[in-house]
Amino acid sequence: MEFYLVWFDDDRKKTTEFKLKEAMDAYERRFHKHPNVILVSEQDRVETSTGIRLRPRSYIRPSNFYVGFEEAA
């Protein structure tokens, strides 16, 4: 079973990459584990240097980030 931390940030002054970093930090503080995937809206798709997989999904609203950890298959 997969669990995600849902992070919402609609501050237009922040870059999407900064929002992703904040969401990742919140996930680490809560679960004591480094996330490896973030589900994002198609509008929030960006190239990032965070080393995490971004998965754009049509059902995710803009400014919402689902941060999680997926085990290798």
PDB file of N, CA and C in Angstrom:
ATOM      1  N   MET A   1       0.843  -1.172   0.000  1.00  0.00           N
ATOM      2  CA  MET A   1       0.000   0.000   0.000  1.00  0.00           C
ATOM      3  C   MET A   1       0.891   1.239   0.000  1.00  0.00           C
ATOM      4  N   GLU A   2       0.514   2.217  -0.798  1.00  0.00           N
ATOM      5  CA  GLU A   2       1.298   3.439  -0.894  1.00  0.00           C
ATOM      6  C   GLU A   2       0.591   4.565  -0.139  1.00  0.00           C
ATOM      7  N   PHE A   3       1.385   5.383   0.526  1.00  0.00           N
ATOM      8  CA  PHE A   3       0.870   6.534   1.243  1.00  0.00           C
ATOM      9  C   PHE A   3       1.529   7.784   0.686  1.00  0.00           C
ATOM     10  N   TYR A   4       0.758   8.850   0.626  1.00  0.00           N
ATOM     11  CA  TYR A   4       1.276  10.115   0.137  1.00  0.00           C
ATOM     12  C   TYR A   4       0.961  11.217   1.138  1.00  0.00           C
ATOM     13  N   LEU A   5       1.863  12.161   1.217  1.00  0.00           N
ATOM     14  CA  LEU A   5       1.613  13.388   1.957  1.00  0.00           C
ATOM     15  C   LEU A   5       1.093  14.382   0.930  1.00  0.00           C
ATOM     16  N   VAL A   6      -0.085  14.928   1.154  1.00  0.00           N
ATOM     17  CA  VAL A   6      -0.650  15.901   0.225  1.00  0.00           C
ATOM     18  C   VAL A   6      -0.221  17.287   0.676  1.00  0.00           C
ATOM     19  N   TRP A   7       0.414  18.015  -0.226  1.00  0.00           N
ATOM     20  CA  TRP A   7       0.951  19.341   0.064  1.00  0.00           C
ATOM     21  C   TRP A   7       0.280  20.333  -0.865  1.00  0.00           C
ATOM     22  N   PHE A   8      -0.239  21.421  -0.319  1.00  0.00           N
ATOM     23  CA  PHE A   8      -0.887  22.462  -1.115  1.00  0.00           C
ATOM     24  C   PHE A   8      -0.132  23.761  -0.913  1.00  0.00           C
ATOM     25  N   ASP A   9       0.211  24.418  -2.009  1.00  0.00           N
ATOM     26  CA  ASP A   9       0.891  25.711  -1.941  1.00  0.00           C
ATOM     27  C   ASP A   9       0.545  26.494  -3.208  1.00  0.00           C
ATOM     28  N   ASP A  10      -0.275  27.532  -3.072  1.00  0.00           N
ATOM     29  CA  ASP A  10      -0.652  28.326  -4.236  1.00  0.00           C
ATOM     30  C   ASP A  10       0.000  29.711  -4.246  1.00  0.00           C
ATOM     31  N   ASP A  11       1.104  29.856  -3.525  1.00  0.00           N
ATOM     32  CA  ASP A  11       1.835  31.123  -3.486  1.00  0.00           C
ATOM     33  C   ASP A  11       2.494  31.362  -4.848  1.00  0.00           C
ATOM     34  N   ARG A  12       2.056  32.372  -5.557  1.00  0.00           N
ATOM     35  CA  ARG A  12       2.577  32.665  -6.896  1.00  0.00           C
ATOM     36  C   ARG A  12       3.981  33.253  -6.879  1.00  0.00           C
ATOM     37  N   LYS A  13       4.454  33.664  -5.718  1.00  0.00           N
ATOM     38  CA  LYS A  13       5.796  34.237  -5.617  1.00  0.00           C
ATOM     39  C   LYS A  13       6.873  33.155  -5.565  1.00  0.00           C
ATOM     40  N   LYS A  14       6.484  31.932  -5.252  1.00  0.00           N
ATOM     41  CA  LYS A  14       7.433  30.823  -5.167  1.00  0.00           C
ATOM     42  C   LYS A  14       7.480  30.078  -6.491  1.00  0.00           C
ATOM     43  N   THR A  15       8.661  29.562  -6.821  1.00  0.00           N
ATOM     44  CA  THR A  15       8.770  28.719  -8.005  1.00  0.00           C
ATOM     45  C   THR A  15       8.227  27.330  -7.679  1.00  0.00           C
ATOM     46  N   THR A  16       7.849  26.604  -8.697  1.00  0.00           N
ATOM     47  CA  THR A  16       7.352  25.238  -8.487  1.00  0.00           C
ATOM     48  C   THR A  16       8.443  24.378  -7.871  1.00  0.00           C
ATOM     49  N   GLU A  17       9.679  24.554  -8.299  1.00  0.00           N
ATOM     50  CA  GLU A  17      10.771  23.757  -7.735  1.00  0.00           C
ATOM     51  C   GLU A  17      10.937  24.024  -6.230  1.00  0.00           C
ATOM     52  N   PHE A  18      10.775  25.268  -5.811  1.00  0.00           N
ATOM     53  CA  PHE A  18      10.857  25.598  -4.386  1.00  0.00           C
ATOM     54  C   PHE A  18       9.712  24.944  -3.612  1.00  0.00           C
ATOM     55  N   LYS A  19       8.517  24.953  -4.200  1.00  0.00           N
ATOM     56  CA  LYS A  19       7.364  24.311  -3.565  1.00  0.00           C
ATOM     57  C   LYS A  19       7.604  22.812  -3.406  1.00  0.00           C
ATOM     58  N   LEU A  20       8.189  22.193  -4.436  1.00  0.00           N
ATOM     59  CA  LEU A  20       8.510  20.767  -4.365  1.00  0.00           C
ATOM     60  C   LEU A  20       9.497  20.485  -3.243  1.00  0.00           C
ATOM     61  N   LYS A  21      10.496  21.332  -3.114  1.00  0.00           N
ATOM     62  CA  LYS A  21      11.500  21.150  -2.055  1.00  0.00           C
ATOM     63  C   LYS A  21      10.849  21.253  -0.678  1.00  0.00           C
ATOM     64  N   GLU A  22       9.967  22.223  -0.491  1.00  0.00           N
ATOM     65  CA  GLU A  22       9.263  22.356   0.785  1.00  0.00           C
ATOM     66  C   GLU A  22       8.394  21.129   1.070  1.00  0.00           C
ATOM     67  N   ALA A  23       7.728  20.625   0.039  1.00  0.00           N
ATOM     68  CA  ALA A  23       6.887  19.437   0.206  1.00  0.00           C
ATOM     69  C   ALA A  23       7.738  18.227   0.583  1.00  0.00           C
ATOM     70  N   MET A  24       8.891  18.077  -0.062  1.00  0.00           N
ATOM     71  CA  MET A  24       9.799  16.971   0.262  1.00  0.00           C
ATOM     72  C   MET A  24      10.302  17.075   1.698  1.00  0.00           C
ATOM     73  N   ASP A  25      10.642  18.271   2.126  1.00  0.00           N
ATOM     74  CA  ASP A  25      11.107  18.483   3.498  1.00  0.00           C
ATOM     75  C   ASP A  25      10.013  18.120   4.506  1.00  0.00           C
ATOM     76  N   ALA A  26       8.782  18.495   4.206  1.00  0.00           N
ATOM     77  CA  ALA A  26       7.664  18.171   5.099  1.00  0.00           C
ATOM     78  C   ALA A  26       7.470  16.654   5.181  1.00  0.00           C
ATOM     79  N   TYR A  27       7.609  15.972   4.059  1.00  0.00           N
ATOM     80  CA  TYR A  27       7.478  14.507   4.036  1.00  0.00           C
ATOM     81  C   TYR A  27       8.563  13.868   4.919  1.00  0.00           C
ATOM     82  N   GLU A  28       9.796  14.352   4.774  1.00  0.00           N
ATOM     83  CA  GLU A  28      10.908  13.808   5.574  1.00  0.00           C
ATOM     84  C   GLU A  28      10.701  14.050   7.067  1.00  0.00           C
ATOM     85  N   ARG A  29      10.218  15.233   7.433  1.00  0.00           N
ATOM     86  CA  ARG A  29       9.962  15.524   8.851  1.00  0.00           C
ATOM     87  C   ARG A  29       8.885  14.599   9.416  1.00  0.00           C
ATOM     88  N   ARG A  30       7.878  14.323   8.626  1.00  0.00           N
ATOM     89  CA  ARG A  30       6.760  13.518   9.116  1.00  0.00           C
ATOM     90  C   ARG A  30       7.049  12.016   9.135  1.00  0.00           C
ATOM     91  N   PHE A  31       7.674  11.512   8.066  1.00  0.00           N
ATOM     92  CA  PHE A  31       7.849  10.069   7.918  1.00  0.00           C
ATOM     93  C   PHE A  31       9.285   9.585   8.131  1.00  0.00           C
ATOM     94  N   HIS A  32      10.220  10.510   8.311  1.00  0.00           N
ATOM     95  CA  HIS A  32      11.627  10.171   8.555  1.00  0.00           C
ATOM     96  C   HIS A  32      12.195   9.308   7.429  1.00  0.00           C
ATOM     97  N   LYS A  33      11.814   9.645   6.211  1.00  0.00           N
ATOM     98  CA  LYS A  33      12.235   8.907   5.031  1.00  0.00           C
ATOM     99  C   LYS A  33      12.255   9.875   3.858  1.00  0.00           C
ATOM    100  N   HIS A  34      13.215   9.689   2.964  1.00  0.00           N
ATOM    101  CA  HIS A  34      13.323  10.553   1.793  1.00  0.00           C
ATOM    102  C   HIS A  34      12.338  10.078   0.720  1.00  0.00           C
ATOM    103  N   PRO A  35      11.465  10.966   0.211  1.00  0.00           N
ATOM    104  CA  PRO A  35      10.512  10.549  -0.821  1.00  0.00           C
ATOM    105  C   PRO A  35      11.228  10.305  -2.153  1.00  0.00           C
ATOM    106  N   ASN A  36      10.609   9.516  -3.026  1.00  0.00           N
ATOM    107  CA  ASN A  36      11.220   9.294  -4.336  1.00  0.00           C
ATOM    108  C   ASN A  36      10.276   9.594  -5.502  1.00  0.00           C
ATOM    109  N   VAL A  37       9.049  10.022  -5.197  1.00  0.00           N
ATOM    110  CA  VAL A  37       8.099  10.356  -6.254  1.00  0.00           C
ATOM    111  C   VAL A  37       7.146  11.452  -5.776  1.00  0.00           C
ATOM    112  N   ILE A  38       6.770  12.319  -6.714  1.00  0.00           N
ATOM    113  CA  ILE A  38       5.753  13.335  -6.425  1.00  0.00           C
ATOM    114  C   ILE A  38       4.781  13.353  -7.594  1.00  0.00           C
ATOM    115  N   LEU A  39       3.504  13.193  -7.274  1.00  0.00           N
ATOM    116  CA  LEU A  39       2.459  13.320  -8.278  1.00  0.00           C
ATOM    117  C   LEU A  39       2.062  14.792  -8.345  1.00  0.00           C
ATOM    118  N   VAL A  40       2.051  15.344  -9.548  1.00  0.00           N
ATOM    119  CA  VAL A  40       1.761  16.772  -9.738  1.00  0.00           C
ATOM    120  C   VAL A  40       0.698  16.936 -10.817  1.00  0.00           C
ATOM    121  N   SER A  41       0.118  18.115 -10.873  1.00  0.00           N
ATOM    122  CA  SER A  41      -0.813  18.411 -11.962  1.00  0.00           C
ATOM    123  C   SER A  41       0.003  18.595 -13.245  1.00  0.00           C
ATOM    124  N   GLU A  42      -0.657  18.460 -14.365  1.00  0.00           N
ATOM    125  CA  GLU A  42       0.044  18.643 -15.636  1.00  0.00           C
ATOM    126  C   GLU A  42       0.547  20.074 -15.787  1.00  0.00           C
ATOM    127  N   GLN A  43      -0.116  21.036 -15.149  1.00  0.00           N
ATOM    128  CA  GLN A  43       0.316  22.434 -15.201  1.00  0.00           C
ATOM    129  C   GLN A  43       1.579  22.672 -14.380  1.00  0.00           C
ATOM    130  N   ASP A  44       1.802  21.860 -13.364  1.00  0.00           N
ATOM    131  CA  ASP A  44       2.960  22.042 -12.484  1.00  0.00           C
ATOM    132  C   ASP A  44       4.164  21.200 -12.914  1.00  0.00           C
ATOM    133  N   ARG A  45       4.098  20.583 -14.069  1.00  0.00           N
ATOM    134  CA  ARG A  45       5.219  19.783 -14.573  1.00  0.00           C
ATOM    135  C   ARG A  45       6.411  20.702 -14.853  1.00  0.00           C
ATOM    136  N   VAL A  46       7.560  20.382 -14.278  1.00  0.00           N
ATOM    137  CA  VAL A  46       8.773  21.167 -14.470  1.00  0.00           C
ATOM    138  C   VAL A  46       9.974  20.222 -14.544  1.00  0.00           C
ATOM    139  N   GLU A  47      11.063  20.735 -15.073  1.00  0.00           N
ATOM    140  CA  GLU A  47      12.331  20.025 -14.979  1.00  0.00           C
ATOM    141  C   GLU A  47      12.916  20.400 -13.635  1.00  0.00           C
ATOM    142  N   THR A  48      13.348  19.415 -12.868  1.00  0.00           N
ATOM    143  CA  THR A  48      13.828  19.689 -11.518  1.00  0.00           C
ATOM    144  C   THR A  48      15.171  19.044 -11.263  1.00  0.00           C
ATOM    145  N   SER A  49      15.928  19.654 -10.396  1.00  0.00           N
ATOM    146  CA  SER A  49      17.240  19.123 -10.029  1.00  0.00           C
ATOM    147  C   SER A  49      17.196  18.442  -8.662  1.00  0.00           C
ATOM    148  N   THR A  50      15.994  18.138  -8.171  1.00  0.00           N
ATOM    149  CA  THR A  50      15.855  17.544  -6.840  1.00  0.00           C
ATOM    150  C   THR A  50      16.163  16.056  -6.824  1.00  0.00           C
ATOM    151  N   GLY A  51      16.262  15.415  -7.989  1.00  0.00           N
ATOM    152  CA  GLY A  51      16.541  13.988  -8.043  1.00  0.00           C
ATOM    153  C   GLY A  51      15.340  13.124  -7.718  1.00  0.00           C
ATOM    154  N   ILE A  52      14.164  13.646  -7.878  1.00  0.00           N
ATOM    155  CA  ILE A  52      12.936  12.918  -7.574  1.00  0.00           C
ATOM    156  C   ILE A  52      12.121  12.772  -8.855  1.00  0.00           C
ATOM    157  N   ARG A  53      11.373  11.684  -8.963  1.00  0.00           N
ATOM    158  CA  ARG A  53      10.524  11.481 -10.132  1.00  0.00           C
ATOM    159  C   ARG A  53       9.235  12.276  -9.983  1.00  0.00           C
ATOM    160  N   LEU A  54       8.940  13.062 -10.988  1.00  0.00           N
ATOM    161  CA  LEU A  54       7.665  13.784 -11.025  1.00  0.00           C
ATOM    162  C   LEU A  54       6.751  13.040 -11.980  1.00  0.00           C
ATOM    163  N   ARG A  55       5.543  12.787 -11.539  1.00  0.00           N
ATOM    164  CA  ARG A  55       4.560  12.107 -12.367  1.00  0.00           C
ATOM    165  C   ARG A  55       3.348  13.014 -12.545  1.00  0.00           C
ATOM    166  N   PRO A  56       3.234  13.658 -13.696  1.00  0.00           N
ATOM    167  CA  PRO A  56       2.056  14.493 -13.956  1.00  0.00           C
ATOM    168  C   PRO A  56       0.811  13.628 -14.090  1.00  0.00           C
ATOM    169  N   ARG A  57      -0.267  14.065 -13.471  1.00  0.00           N
ATOM    170  CA  ARG A  57      -1.543  13.356 -13.524  1.00  0.00           C
ATOM    171  C   ARG A  57      -2.655  14.365 -13.793  1.00  0.00           C
ATOM    172  N   SER A  58      -3.568  14.000 -14.668  1.00  0.00           N
ATOM    173  CA  SER A  58      -4.645  14.919 -15.050  1.00  0.00           C
ATOM    174  C   SER A  58      -5.645  15.142 -13.915  1.00  0.00           C
ATOM    175  N   TYR A  59      -5.741  14.216 -12.988  1.00  0.00           N
ATOM    176  CA  TYR A  59      -6.728  14.328 -11.909  1.00  0.00           C
ATOM    177  C   TYR A  59      -6.228  15.138 -10.705  1.00  0.00           C
ATOM    178  N   ILE A  60      -4.986  15.564 -10.733  1.00  0.00           N
ATOM    179  CA  ILE A  60      -4.456  16.360  -9.621  1.00  0.00           C
ATOM    180  C   ILE A  60      -4.606  17.839  -9.950  1.00  0.00           C
ATOM    181  N   ARG A  61      -5.141  18.577  -9.010  1.00  0.00           N
ATOM    182  CA  ARG A  61      -5.386  20.009  -9.194  1.00  0.00           C
ATOM    183  C   ARG A  61      -4.075  20.788  -9.104  1.00  0.00           C
ATOM    184  N   PRO A  62      -3.990  21.921  -9.806  1.00  0.00           N
ATOM    185  CA  PRO A  62      -2.792  22.758  -9.711  1.00  0.00           C
ATOM    186  C   PRO A  62      -2.499  23.160  -8.262  1.00  0.00           C
ATOM    187  N   SER A  63      -1.228  23.273  -7.950  1.00  0.00           N
ATOM    188  CA  SER A  63      -0.727  23.669  -6.624  1.00  0.00           C
ATOM    189  C   SER A  63      -0.884  22.582  -5.573  1.00  0.00           C
ATOM    190  N   ASN A  64      -1.281  21.371  -5.975  1.00  0.00           N
ATOM    191  CA  ASN A  64      -1.348  20.222  -5.079  1.00  0.00           C
ATOM    192  C   ASN A  64      -0.222  19.266  -5.449  1.00  0.00           C
ATOM    193  N   PHE A  65       0.458  18.756  -4.435  1.00  0.00           N
ATOM    194  CA  PHE A  65       1.588  17.863  -4.655  1.00  0.00           C
ATOM    195  C   PHE A  65       1.421  16.643  -3.757  1.00  0.00           C
ATOM    196  N   TYR A  66       1.423  15.463  -4.343  1.00  0.00           N
ATOM    197  CA  TYR A  66       1.304  14.215  -3.593  1.00  0.00           C
ATOM    198  C   TYR A  66       2.704  13.619  -3.485  1.00  0.00           C
ATOM    199  N   VAL A  67       3.299  13.740  -2.318  1.00  0.00           N
ATOM    200  CA  VAL A  67       4.674  13.315  -2.094  1.00  0.00           C
ATOM    201  C   VAL A  67       4.663  11.926  -1.484  1.00  0.00           C
ATOM    202  N   GLY A  68       5.471  11.024  -2.049  1.00  0.00           N
ATOM    203  CA  GLY A  68       5.449   9.668  -1.518  1.00  0.00           C
ATOM    204  C   GLY A  68       6.719   8.885  -1.773  1.00  0.00           C
ATOM    205  N   PHE A  69       6.683   7.637  -1.348  1.00  0.00           N
ATOM    206  CA  PHE A  69       7.783   6.709  -1.548  1.00  0.00           C
ATOM    207  C   PHE A  69       7.213   5.436  -2.136  1.00  0.00           C
ATOM    208  N   GLU A  70       7.767   5.031  -3.261  1.00  0.00           N
ATOM    209  CA  GLU A  70       7.324   3.795  -3.899  1.00  0.00           C
ATOM    210  C   GLU A  70       8.453   2.780  -3.843  1.00  0.00           C
ATOM    211  N   GLU A  71       8.124   1.588  -3.363  1.00  0.00           N
ATOM    212  CA  GLU A  71       9.102   0.510  -3.317  1.00  0.00           C
ATOM    213  C   GLU A  71       9.409   0.055  -4.736  1.00  0.00           C
ATOM    214  N   ALA A  72      10.632  -0.414  -4.957  1.00  0.00           N
ATOM    215  CA  ALA A  72      10.996  -0.956  -6.277  1.00  0.00           C
ATOM    216  C   ALA A  72      10.236  -2.255  -6.504  1.00  0.00           C
ATOM    217  N   ALA A  73       9.798  -2.450  -7.724  1.00  0.00           N
ATOM    218  CA  ALA A  73       9.001  -3.659  -8.040  1.00  0.00           C
ATOM    219  C   ALA A  73       9.877  -4.896  -8.044  1.00  0.00           C
TER     220      ALA A  73
END
